[in-house]
C-alpha atoms as a PDB file:
ATOM      1  CA  MET A   1     155.102-232.163 277.238  1.00  0.00           C
ATOM      2  CA  PRO A   2     155.412-231.943 273.167  1.00  0.00           C
ATOM      3  CA  PRO A   3     152.408-230.503 271.851  1.00  0.00           C
ATOM      4  CA  ARG A   4     149.821-232.947 270.437  1.00  0.00           C
ATOM      5  CA  MET A   5     148.938-233.376 266.801  1.00  0.00           C
ATOM      6  CA  GLY A   6     145.644-232.058 265.988  1.00  0.00           C
ATOM      7  CA  LYS A   7     143.195-233.764 263.744  1.00  0.00           C
ATOM      8  CA  LYS A   8     143.998-231.665 260.694  1.00  0.00           C
ATOM      9  CA  ASN A   9     147.708-232.608 261.341  1.00  0.00           C
ATOM     10  CA  TYR A  10     146.784-236.507 261.265  1.00  0.00           C
ATOM     11  CA  LEU A  11     144.832-235.700 258.212  1.00  0.00           C
ATOM     12  CA  ALA A  12     147.465-234.059 256.410  1.00  0.00           C
ATOM     13  CA  VAL A  13     149.843-236.860 257.352  1.00  0.00           C
ATOM     14  CA  LEU A  14     147.215-239.414 256.055  1.00  0.00           C
ATOM     15  CA  VAL A  15     146.764-237.828 252.877  1.00  0.00           C
ATOM     16  CA  VAL A  16     150.719-237.573 252.375  1.00  0.00           C
ATOM     17  CA  ILE A  17     151.098-241.217 253.154  1.00  0.00           C
ATOM     18  CA  SER A  18     148.140-242.338 250.907  1.00  0.00           C
ATOM     19  CA  SER A  19     149.242-240.247 248.123  1.00  0.00           C
ATOM     20  CA  LEU A  20     152.976-241.628 248.228  1.00  0.00           C
ATOM     21  CA  GLY A  21     151.415-244.962 248.335  1.00  0.00           C
ATOM     22  CA  GLY A  22     149.207-244.115 245.512  1.00  0.00           C
ATOM     23  CA  PHE A  23     152.345-242.930 243.504  1.00  0.00           C
ATOM     24  CA  TYR A  24     154.253-246.091 244.586  1.00  0.00           C
ATOM     25  CA  LEU A  25     151.316-248.396 243.401  1.00  0.00           C
ATOM     26  CA  SER A  26     151.195-246.434 239.979  1.00  0.00           C
ATOM     27  CA  SER A  27     155.018-247.188 239.681  1.00  0.00           C
ATOM     28  CA  LEU A  28     154.108-250.983 239.731  1.00  0.00           C
ATOM     29  CA  TRP A  29     151.617-250.786 237.074  1.00  0.00           C
ATOM     30  CA  SER A  30     153.689-248.407 234.729  1.00  0.00           C
ATOM     31  CA  TYR A  31     156.685-246.332 235.656  1.00  0.00           C
ATOM     32  CA  LEU A  32     155.787-243.761 232.764  1.00  0.00           C
ATOM     33  CA  LEU A  33     152.305-243.074 234.424  1.00  0.00           C
ATOM     34  CA  PHE A  34     154.185-242.741 237.688  1.00  0.00           C
ATOM     35  CA  HIS A  35     156.772-240.360 236.143  1.00  0.00           C
ATOM     36  CA  SER A  36     154.037-238.208 234.387  1.00  0.00           C
ATOM     37  CA  LEU A  37     151.876-237.942 237.728  1.00  0.00           C
ATOM     38  CA  ALA A  38     154.889-237.024 239.675  1.00  0.00           C
ATOM     39  CA  GLU A  39     156.190-234.449 237.239  1.00  0.00           C
ATOM     40  CA  PHE A  40     152.685-232.913 236.649  1.00  0.00           C
ATOM     41  CA  PHE A  41     151.933-232.749 240.184  1.00  0.00           C
ATOM     42  CA  SER A  42     155.187-230.473 240.606  1.00  0.00           C
ATOM     43  CA  VAL A  43     153.990-228.511 237.403  1.00  0.00           C
ATOM     44  CA  VAL A  44     150.569-227.923 238.949  1.00  0.00           C
ATOM     45  CA  ILE A  45     152.088-226.558 242.221  1.00  0.00           C
ATOM     46  CA  ALA A  46     154.629-224.541 240.253  1.00  0.00           C
ATOM     47  CA  CYS A  47     151.852-222.839 238.184  1.00  0.00           C
ATOM     48  CA  GLY A  48     149.829-222.200 241.621  1.00  0.00           C
ATOM     49  CA  ILE A  49     152.827-220.612 242.946  1.00  0.00           C
ATOM     50  CA  PHE A  50     152.896-218.186 240.010  1.00  0.00           C
ATOM     51  CA  ILE A  51     148.944-217.650 240.214  1.00  0.00           C
ATOM     52  CA  VAL A  52     149.285-216.781 243.970  1.00  0.00           C
ATOM     53  CA  ALA A  53     152.389-214.456 243.482  1.00  0.00           C
ATOM     54  CA  ILE A  54     151.345-212.525 240.423  1.00  0.00           C
ATOM     55  CA  ASN A  55     147.918-211.916 241.904  1.00  0.00           C
ATOM     56  CA  THR A  56     148.932-210.745 245.287  1.00  0.00           C
ATOM     57  CA  ARG A  57     152.136-208.861 244.017  1.00  0.00           C
ATOM     58  CA  ASP A  58     150.517-205.434 245.058  1.00  0.00           C
ATOM     59  CA  PHE A  59     150.034-206.804 248.611  1.00  0.00           C
ATOM     60  CA  LEU A  60     153.349-208.163 249.209  1.00  0.00           C
ATOM     61  CA  ASP A  61     155.591-206.884 251.863  1.00  0.00           C
ATOM     62  CA  ASN A  62     158.920-207.925 249.785  1.00  0.00           C
ATOM     63  CA  ASN A  63     159.332-209.378 246.341  1.00  0.00           C
ATOM     64  CA  TYR A  64     160.798-213.082 247.307  1.00  0.00           C
ATOM     65  CA  LEU A  65     157.387-214.468 246.611  1.00  0.00           C
ATOM     66  CA  LEU A  66     157.045-212.888 243.373  1.00  0.00           C
ATOM     67  CA  TYR A  67     160.370-213.533 242.166  1.00  0.00           C
ATOM     68  CA  LEU A  68     159.706-217.449 243.182  1.00  0.00           C
ATOM     69  CA  GLY A  69     156.250-217.245 241.463  1.00  0.00           C
ATOM     70  CA  ILE A  70     157.616-216.040 238.351  1.00  0.00           C
ATOM     71  CA  SER A  71     160.721-218.352 238.059  1.00  0.00           C
ATOM     72  CA  TYR A  72     158.635-221.428 239.037  1.00  0.00           C
ATOM     73  CA  LEU A  73     156.321-220.790 236.163  1.00  0.00           C
ATOM     74  CA  PHE A  74     159.110-221.530 233.784  1.00  0.00           C
ATOM     75  CA  VAL A  75     160.554-224.195 235.948  1.00  0.00           C
ATOM     76  CA  GLY A  76     157.370-225.901 235.375  1.00  0.00           C
ATOM     77  CA  PHE A  77     157.435-225.233 231.720  1.00  0.00           C
ATOM     78  CA  VAL A  78     160.651-227.099 231.133  1.00  0.00           C
ATOM     79  CA  ASP A  79     159.460-230.053 233.448  1.00  0.00           C
ATOM     80  CA  THR A  80     156.375-230.370 231.291  1.00  0.00           C
ATOM     81  CA  ILE A  81     158.607-230.784 228.331  1.00  0.00           C
ATOM     82  CA  HIS A  82     160.937-232.934 230.252  1.00  0.00           C
ATOM     83  CA  THR A  83     157.719-235.037 231.129  1.00  0.00           C
ATOM     84  CA  LEU A  84     156.712-235.233 227.527  1.00  0.00           C
ATOM     85  CA  ALA A  85     160.107-236.155 226.215  1.00  0.00           C
ATOM     86  CA  TYR A  86     160.723-239.012 228.813  1.00  0.00           C
ATOM     87  CA  LYS A  87     161.661-242.405 227.443  1.00  0.00           C
ATOM     88  CA  GLY A  88     158.666-244.400 225.972  1.00  0.00           C
ATOM     89  CA  MET A  89     156.446-241.335 225.761  1.00  0.00           C
ATOM     90  CA  GLY A  90     156.887-241.115 221.918  1.00  0.00           C
ATOM     91  CA  VAL A  91     156.119-237.399 221.822  1.00  0.00           C
ATOM     92  CA  PHE A  92     159.640-236.551 220.438  1.00  0.00           C
ATOM     93  CA  PRO A  93     160.817-239.301 218.123  1.00  0.00           C
ATOM     94  CA  GLY A  94     164.572-239.684 217.224  1.00  0.00           C
ATOM     95  CA  TYR A  95     165.783-238.763 220.705  1.00  0.00           C
ATOM     96  CA  ASP A  96     166.770-241.175 223.495  1.00  0.00           C
ATOM     97  CA  ALA A  97     166.831-241.052 227.276  1.00  0.00           C
ATOM     98  CA  ASP A  98     169.504-238.308 227.079  1.00  0.00           C
ATOM     99  CA  LEU A  99     166.922-235.566 225.937  1.00  0.00           C
ATOM    100  CA  PRO A 100     164.782-235.857 229.232  1.00  0.00           C
ATOM    101  CA  THR A 101     167.688-236.119 231.238  1.00  0.00           C
ATOM    102  CA  GLN A 102     169.310-232.776 229.701  1.00  0.00           C
ATOM    103  CA  LEU A 103     165.734-231.190 230.306  1.00  0.00           C
ATOM    104  CA  TRP A 104     165.661-232.426 233.867  1.00  0.00           C
ATOM    105  CA  ILE A 105     169.319-230.686 234.583  1.00  0.00           C
ATOM    106  CA  GLY A 106     168.398-227.708 232.826  1.00  0.00           C
ATOM    107  CA  ALA A 107     165.097-227.289 234.949  1.00  0.00           C
ATOM    108  CA  ARG A 108     166.748-227.961 238.340  1.00  0.00           C
ATOM    109  CA  TYR A 109     169.770-225.515 237.177  1.00  0.00           C
ATOM    110  CA  LEU A 110     166.829-222.931 236.877  1.00  0.00           C
ATOM    111  CA  GLU A 111     165.079-224.003 239.945  1.00  0.00           C
ATOM    112  CA  SER A 112     168.107-223.733 242.031  1.00  0.00           C
ATOM    113  CA  LEU A 113     169.451-220.534 240.762  1.00  0.00           C
ATOM    114  CA  SER A 114     165.808-218.936 241.163  1.00  0.00           C
ATOM    115  CA  LEU A 115     165.976-220.064 244.796  1.00  0.00           C
ATOM    116  CA  PHE A 116     169.633-218.657 245.132  1.00  0.00           C
ATOM    117  CA  ILE A 117     168.756-215.227 243.589  1.00  0.00           C
ATOM    118  CA  ALA A 118     165.132-214.740 245.035  1.00  0.00           C
ATOM    119  CA  PRO A 119     166.387-213.740 248.457  1.00  0.00           C
ATOM    120  CA  PHE A 120     168.277-210.859 247.009  1.00  0.00           C
ATOM    121  CA  PHE A 121     165.032-209.289 245.814  1.00  0.00           C
ATOM    122  CA  MET A 122     163.447-209.398 249.203  1.00  0.00           C
ATOM    123  CA  HIS A 123     163.462-205.580 249.853  1.00  0.00           C
ATOM    124  CA  LYS A 124     164.361-204.650 246.181  1.00  0.00           C
ATOM    125  CA  LYS A 125     162.117-203.441 243.600  1.00  0.00           C
ATOM    126  CA  LEU A 126     161.107-206.193 241.013  1.00  0.00           C
ATOM    127  CA  LYS A 127     159.710-205.245 237.643  1.00  0.00           C
ATOM    128  CA  VAL A 128     157.648-208.125 236.402  1.00  0.00           C
ATOM    129  CA  LEU A 129     157.937-207.480 232.630  1.00  0.00           C
ATOM    130  CA  PRO A 130     161.628-207.503 232.337  1.00  0.00           C
ATOM    131  CA  LEU A 131     161.945-210.620 234.750  1.00  0.00           C
ATOM    132  CA  PHE A 132     159.761-212.324 232.404  1.00  0.00           C
ATOM    133  CA  ILE A 133     161.504-211.410 229.362  1.00  0.00           C
ATOM    134  CA  ILE A 134     164.998-212.421 230.793  1.00  0.00           C
ATOM    135  CA  TYR A 135     163.432-215.911 231.857  1.00  0.00           C
ATOM    136  CA  ILE A 136     161.928-216.467 228.363  1.00  0.00           C
ATOM    137  CA  ILE A 137     165.420-215.758 226.744  1.00  0.00           C
ATOM    138  CA  VAL A 138     167.156-217.911 229.349  1.00  0.00           C
ATOM    139  CA  VAL A 139     164.491-220.804 228.702  1.00  0.00           C
ATOM    140  CA  SER A 140     164.459-220.515 224.965  1.00  0.00           C
ATOM    141  CA  SER A 141     168.441-220.520 224.888  1.00  0.00           C
ATOM    142  CA  LEU A 142     168.273-223.551 227.139  1.00  0.00           C
ATOM    143  CA  LEU A 143     165.601-225.536 225.069  1.00  0.00           C
ATOM    144  CA  VAL A 144     167.448-224.497 221.721  1.00  0.00           C
ATOM    145  CA  SER A 145     170.912-225.735 223.035  1.00  0.00           C
ATOM    146  CA  ILE A 146     169.263-228.896 224.148  1.00  0.00           C
ATOM    147  CA  PHE A 147     167.399-229.745 220.855  1.00  0.00           C
ATOM    148  CA  THR A 148     170.164-228.599 218.584  1.00  0.00           C
ATOM    149  CA  GLY A 149     172.889-230.897 220.414  1.00  0.00           C
ATOM    150  CA  PHE A 150     174.830-228.027 221.889  1.00  0.00           C
ATOM    151  CA  PHE A 151     173.910-229.019 225.380  1.00  0.00           C
ATOM    152  CA  PRO A 152     176.312-231.541 227.044  1.00  0.00           C
ATOM    153  CA  HIS A 153     175.359-235.041 227.046  1.00  0.00           C
ATOM    154  CA  CYS A 154     173.668-236.392 230.456  1.00  0.00           C
ATOM    155  CA  PHE A 155     172.704-239.815 229.935  1.00  0.00           C
ATOM    156  CA  LEU A 156     174.310-242.715 227.391  1.00  0.00           C
ATOM    157  CA  GLU A 157     172.316-245.606 226.469  1.00  0.00           C
ATOM    158  CA  GLY A 158     174.273-248.696 227.822  1.00  0.00           C
ATOM    159  CA  TYR A 159     176.574-246.509 229.808  1.00  0.00           C
ATOM    160  CA  GLY A 160     174.341-244.588 232.082  1.00  0.00           C
ATOM    161  CA  LEU A 161     174.800-241.028 233.747  1.00  0.00           C
ATOM    162  CA  THR A 162     177.541-238.815 232.179  1.00  0.00           C
ATOM    163  CA  LEU A 163     180.033-237.072 234.412  1.00  0.00           C
ATOM    164  CA  PHE A 164     178.700-233.679 233.385  1.00  0.00           C
ATOM    165  CA  LYS A 165     175.441-234.869 234.768  1.00  0.00           C
ATOM    166  CA  LYS A 166     176.628-236.337 238.252  1.00  0.00           C
ATOM    167  CA  VAL A 167     178.565-233.098 238.461  1.00  0.00           C
ATOM    168  CA  SER A 168     175.758-230.787 237.583  1.00  0.00           C
ATOM    169  CA  GLU A 169     173.698-232.332 240.186  1.00  0.00           C
ATOM    170  CA  TYR A 170     176.460-231.788 242.951  1.00  0.00           C
ATOM    171  CA  ILE A 171     176.619-228.346 241.732  1.00  0.00           C
ATOM    172  CA  ILE A 172     172.830-227.659 241.971  1.00  0.00           C
ATOM    173  CA  SER A 173     172.933-229.225 245.431  1.00  0.00           C
ATOM    174  CA  LEU A 174     175.778-226.835 246.235  1.00  0.00           C
ATOM    175  CA  ILE A 175     173.452-223.920 245.007  1.00  0.00           C
ATOM    176  CA  LEU A 176     170.662-225.254 246.987  1.00  0.00           C
ATOM    177  CA  VAL A 177     172.857-225.171 250.259  1.00  0.00           C
ATOM    178  CA  PHE A 178     173.755-221.531 249.580  1.00  0.00           C
ATOM    179  CA  SER A 179     170.302-220.537 248.726  1.00  0.00           C
ATOM    180  CA  LEU A 180     169.162-222.329 252.171  1.00  0.00           C
ATOM    181  CA  ILE A 181     171.597-220.379 253.989  1.00  0.00           C
ATOM    182  CA  PHE A 182     170.515-217.230 252.567  1.00  0.00           C
ATOM    183  CA  LEU A 183     167.022-217.745 253.268  1.00  0.00           C
ATOM    184  CA  VAL A 184     167.828-218.680 256.805  1.00  0.00           C
ATOM    185  CA  ARG A 185     169.655-215.397 257.455  1.00  0.00           C
ATOM    186  CA  LEU A 186     166.642-213.542 256.317  1.00  0.00           C
ATOM    187  CA  ARG A 187     164.371-215.724 258.790  1.00  0.00           C
ATOM    188  CA  HIS A 188     163.133-212.715 260.603  1.00  0.00           C
ATOM    189  CA  GLU A 189     161.301-211.762 257.249  1.00  0.00           C
ATOM    190  CA  PHE A 190     159.059-214.890 257.177  1.00  0.00           C
ATOM    191  CA  ASP A 191     156.549-216.241 259.224  1.00  0.00           C
ATOM    192  CA  HIS A 192     157.905-218.940 261.129  1.00  0.00           C
ATOM    193  CA  ARG A 193     155.687-221.850 259.646  1.00  0.00           C
ATOM    194  CA  VAL A 194     156.246-220.455 256.278  1.00  0.00           C
ATOM    195  CA  LEU A 195     160.216-220.574 256.823  1.00  0.00           C
ATOM    196  CA  ILE A 196     160.196-223.938 258.186  1.00  0.00           C
ATOM    197  CA  MET A 197     158.245-225.576 255.141  1.00  0.00           C
ATOM    198  CA  LEU A 198     160.383-223.573 252.689  1.00  0.00           C
ATOM    199  CA  VAL A 199     163.702-224.975 254.414  1.00  0.00           C
ATOM    200  CA  TRP A 200     162.400-228.331 254.428  1.00  0.00           C
ATOM    201  CA  SER A 201     161.576-227.937 250.825  1.00  0.00           C
ATOM    202  CA  ILE A 202     164.901-227.012 249.818  1.00  0.00           C
ATOM    203  CA  ILE A 203     166.456-229.727 252.149  1.00  0.00           C
ATOM    204  CA  THR A 204     164.305-232.360 250.220  1.00  0.00           C
ATOM    205  CA  THR A 205     165.262-231.133 247.028  1.00  0.00           C
ATOM    206  CA  ILE A 206     168.920-231.349 247.903  1.00  0.00           C
ATOM    207  CA  PHE A 207     168.389-235.112 248.833  1.00  0.00           C
ATOM    208  CA  SER A 208     166.322-235.505 245.530  1.00  0.00           C
ATOM    209  CA  GLU A 209     169.219-234.032 243.453  1.00  0.00           C
ATOM    210  CA  LEU A 210     171.772-236.562 245.152  1.00  0.00           C
ATOM    211  CA  ALA A 211     169.600-239.620 244.569  1.00  0.00           C
ATOM    212  CA  PHE A 212     169.588-238.497 240.872  1.00  0.00           C
ATOM    213  CA  THR A 213     173.338-239.167 240.733  1.00  0.00           C
ATOM    214  CA  LEU A 214     173.158-243.010 241.439  1.00  0.00           C
ATOM    215  CA  TYR A 215     170.548-244.273 238.928  1.00  0.00           C
ATOM    216  CA  VAL A 216     171.738-246.476 235.995  1.00  0.00           C
ATOM    217  CA  SER A 217     168.298-246.814 234.110  1.00  0.00           C
ATOM    218  CA  VAL A 218     165.807-243.872 233.818  1.00  0.00           C
ATOM    219  CA  TYR A 219     163.385-246.440 235.340  1.00  0.00           C
ATOM    220  CA  GLY A 220     165.667-247.508 238.100  1.00  0.00           C
ATOM    221  CA  PHE A 221     165.048-247.423 242.032  1.00  0.00           C
ATOM    222  CA  SER A 222     167.292-244.213 242.430  1.00  0.00           C
ATOM    223  CA  ASN A 223     165.228-242.471 239.752  1.00  0.00           C
ATOM    224  CA  PHE A 224     162.105-243.553 241.693  1.00  0.00           C
ATOM    225  CA  VAL A 225     163.444-242.262 244.989  1.00  0.00           C
ATOM    226  CA  GLY A 226     164.455-238.972 243.323  1.00  0.00           C
ATOM    227  CA  HIS A 227     160.968-238.175 242.072  1.00  0.00           C
ATOM    228  CA  ILE A 228     159.336-239.078 245.482  1.00  0.00           C
ATOM    229  CA  LEU A 229     161.590-236.658 247.200  1.00  0.00           C
ATOM    230  CA  LYS A 230     160.858-234.241 244.540  1.00  0.00           C
ATOM    231  CA  ILE A 231     157.055-234.568 245.321  1.00  0.00           C
ATOM    232  CA  LEU A 232     157.521-233.888 248.912  1.00  0.00           C
ATOM    233  CA  SER A 233     159.674-231.110 248.135  1.00  0.00           C
ATOM    234  CA  PHE A 234     156.908-229.524 245.847  1.00  0.00           C
ATOM    235  CA  TYR A 235     154.367-230.502 248.369  1.00  0.00           C
ATOM    236  CA  LEU A 236     156.219-228.584 251.167  1.00  0.00           C
ATOM    237  CA  ILE A 237     156.606-225.515 249.065  1.00  0.00           C
ATOM    238  CA  TYR A 238     152.864-225.860 248.469  1.00  0.00           C
ATOM    239  CA  LYS A 239     152.104-225.931 252.025  1.00  0.00           C
ATOM    240  CA  ALA A 240     154.401-222.744 252.515  1.00  0.00           C
ATOM    241  CA  LEU A 241     153.370-220.654 249.562  1.00  0.00           C
ATOM    242  CA  ILE A 242     149.893-221.624 248.191  1.00  0.00           C
ATOM    243  CA  GLU A 243     148.062-223.267 251.058  1.00  0.00           C
ATOM    244  CA  THR A 244     149.378-220.383 253.464  1.00  0.00           C
ATOM    245  CA  GLY A 245     148.702-217.770 251.035  1.00  0.00           C
ATOM    246  CA  LEU A 246     144.917-218.946 251.026  1.00  0.00           C
ATOM    247  CA  LYS A 247     144.318-219.863 254.334  1.00  0.00           C
ATOM    248  CA  LYS A 248     146.471-217.554 256.242  1.00  0.00           C
ATOM    249  CA  PRO A 249     147.446-214.592 253.871  1.00  0.00           C
ATOM    250  CA  TYR A 250     148.600-212.372 256.753  1.00  0.00           C
ATOM    251  CA  ALA A 251     151.269-214.912 257.352  1.00  0.00           C
ATOM    252  CA  LEU A 252     152.512-214.679 253.729  1.00  0.00           C
ATOM    253  CA  LEU A 253     151.342-211.245 252.382  1.00  0.00           C
ATOM    254  CA  TRP A 254     151.395-208.600 255.317  1.00  0.00           C
ATOM    255  CA  LEU A 255     154.040-210.157 257.573  1.00  0.00           C
ATOM    256  CA  LYS A 256     155.638-206.811 258.279  1.00  0.00           C
ATOM    257  CA  THR A 257     152.113-205.243 258.982  1.00  0.00           C
ATOM    258  CA  LYS A 258     151.151-208.030 261.362  1.00  0.00           C
ATOM    259  CA  LYS A 259     154.675-207.543 263.239  1.00  0.00           C
ATOM    260  CA  SER A 260     153.927-203.850 263.173  1.00  0.00           C
ATOM    261  CA  GLU A 261     150.416-204.072 264.906  1.00  0.00           C
ATOM    262  CA  GLU A 262     151.949-206.648 267.531  1.00  0.00           C
ATOM    263  CA  MET A 263     154.601-204.004 268.175  1.00  0.00           C
ATOM    264  CA  LEU A 264     152.011-201.382 268.493  1.00  0.00           C
ATOM    265  CA  ARG A 265     149.983-203.558 270.803  1.00  0.00           C
ATOM    266  CA  ALA A 266     152.889-204.184 272.911  1.00  0.00           C
ATOM    267  CA  GLU A 267     153.880-200.497 273.343  1.00  0.00           C
ATOM    268  CA  ARG A 268     150.300-199.704 274.257  1.00  0.00           C
ATOM    269  CA  ASP A 269     150.087-202.377 276.948  1.00  0.00           C
ATOM    270  CA  LYS A 270     153.352-201.001 278.390  1.00  0.00           C
ATOM    271  CA  ILE A 271     152.099-197.569 278.224  1.00  0.00           C
ATOM    272  CA  LYS A 272     148.812-198.572 279.968  1.00  0.00           C
ATOM    273  CA  GLN A 273     150.767-200.345 282.684  1.00  0.00           C
ATOM    274  CA  TYR A 274     152.829-197.184 283.225  1.00  0.00           C
ATOM    275  CA  LEU A 275     149.811-195.084 283.333  1.00  0.00           C
ATOM    276  CA  ASP A 276     148.330-197.481 286.052  1.00  0.00           C
ATOM    277  CA  ILE A 277     151.528-197.252 287.895  1.00  0.00           C
ATOM    278  CA  ALA A 278     151.291-193.574 287.757  1.00  0.00           C
ATOM    279  CA  GLY A 279     147.589-193.440 288.880  1.00  0.00           C
ATOM    280  CA  VAL A 280     148.697-195.938 292.096  1.00  0.00           C
ATOM    281  CA  ILE A 281     151.550-193.318 292.873  1.00  0.00           C
ATOM    282  CA  LEU A 282     149.291-190.280 292.556  1.00  0.00           C
ATOM    283  CA  LEU A 283     146.522-192.093 294.799  1.00  0.00           C
ATOM    284  CA  ILE A 284     149.194-192.580 297.379  1.00  0.00           C
ATOM    285  CA  ILE A 285     150.656-188.987 297.081  1.00  0.00           C
ATOM    286  CA  GLY A 286     147.063-187.707 297.453  1.00  0.00           C
ATOM    287  CA  ALA A 287     146.302-189.751 300.461  1.00  0.00           C
ATOM    288  CA  ASP A 288     149.601-188.864 302.015  1.00  0.00           C
ATOM    289  CA  GLN A 289     148.850-185.100 301.594  1.00  0.00           C
ATOM    290  CA  GLN A 290     145.280-185.673 303.136  1.00  0.00           C
ATOM    291  CA  LYS A 291     146.700-187.221 306.171  1.00  0.00           C
ATOM    292  CA  ARG A 292     149.275-184.069 306.754  1.00  0.00           C
ATOM    293  CA  MET A 293     146.333-181.542 306.315  1.00  0.00           C
END
């Protein structure tokens, strides 16, 4: 029989459904409100990943989480600017819907490439300061290219998405597929629950990117679906990295130590069994010798 859902699982599902319902209602009231809530939700989680990673770096068995934590801080930063630049916000006068779309593509390239690169630092030494400097340079270059007009157009008023934007979404999806493959190959390095959450987070992100190839208006249905999927993706990564890091740190921080303890326990049990068998054999031999005497 399949395992029953516990009360906590039912509560989690209820919270997710209620939250998505709340996001939907906010979109009916104001799409700008919905978009801001959706984006800031992901920004808060991105910052949370960074906080967990940077404060537990001395205890991590591998540097996958640390790399993701640092990279997601910058992803969240670009997403924040994307949110402020969204059509109708009025924060950047003189710019149209192309600006937030360019920022979106930049953030997604940054996120997908970070997820792709992170597995390579699983067992490699990671220096925090140089990585920070690299991301500062990359993000600064990205923002300068966008705000100075060097970045390719992604959305044209009256036309919709440009070819560059659509192709970029497919490229980003492909990068995410490869990052997923690398992650699964390293599945033995992760707690099973954490791995499942990360896998589904990346899969949801892929579908989110594909949804963003279809919209004509920045307030359109496909745009809405893409943001809902992004919310789910970041919720899953929250469950995998932040909630697990706080509630079950051994599953995230000391997985190797946990596995080593389990192996030692198994070896101890084996030795105990061998000793028990040896004891029985000695008793039999002793009894046999007494009979002969």
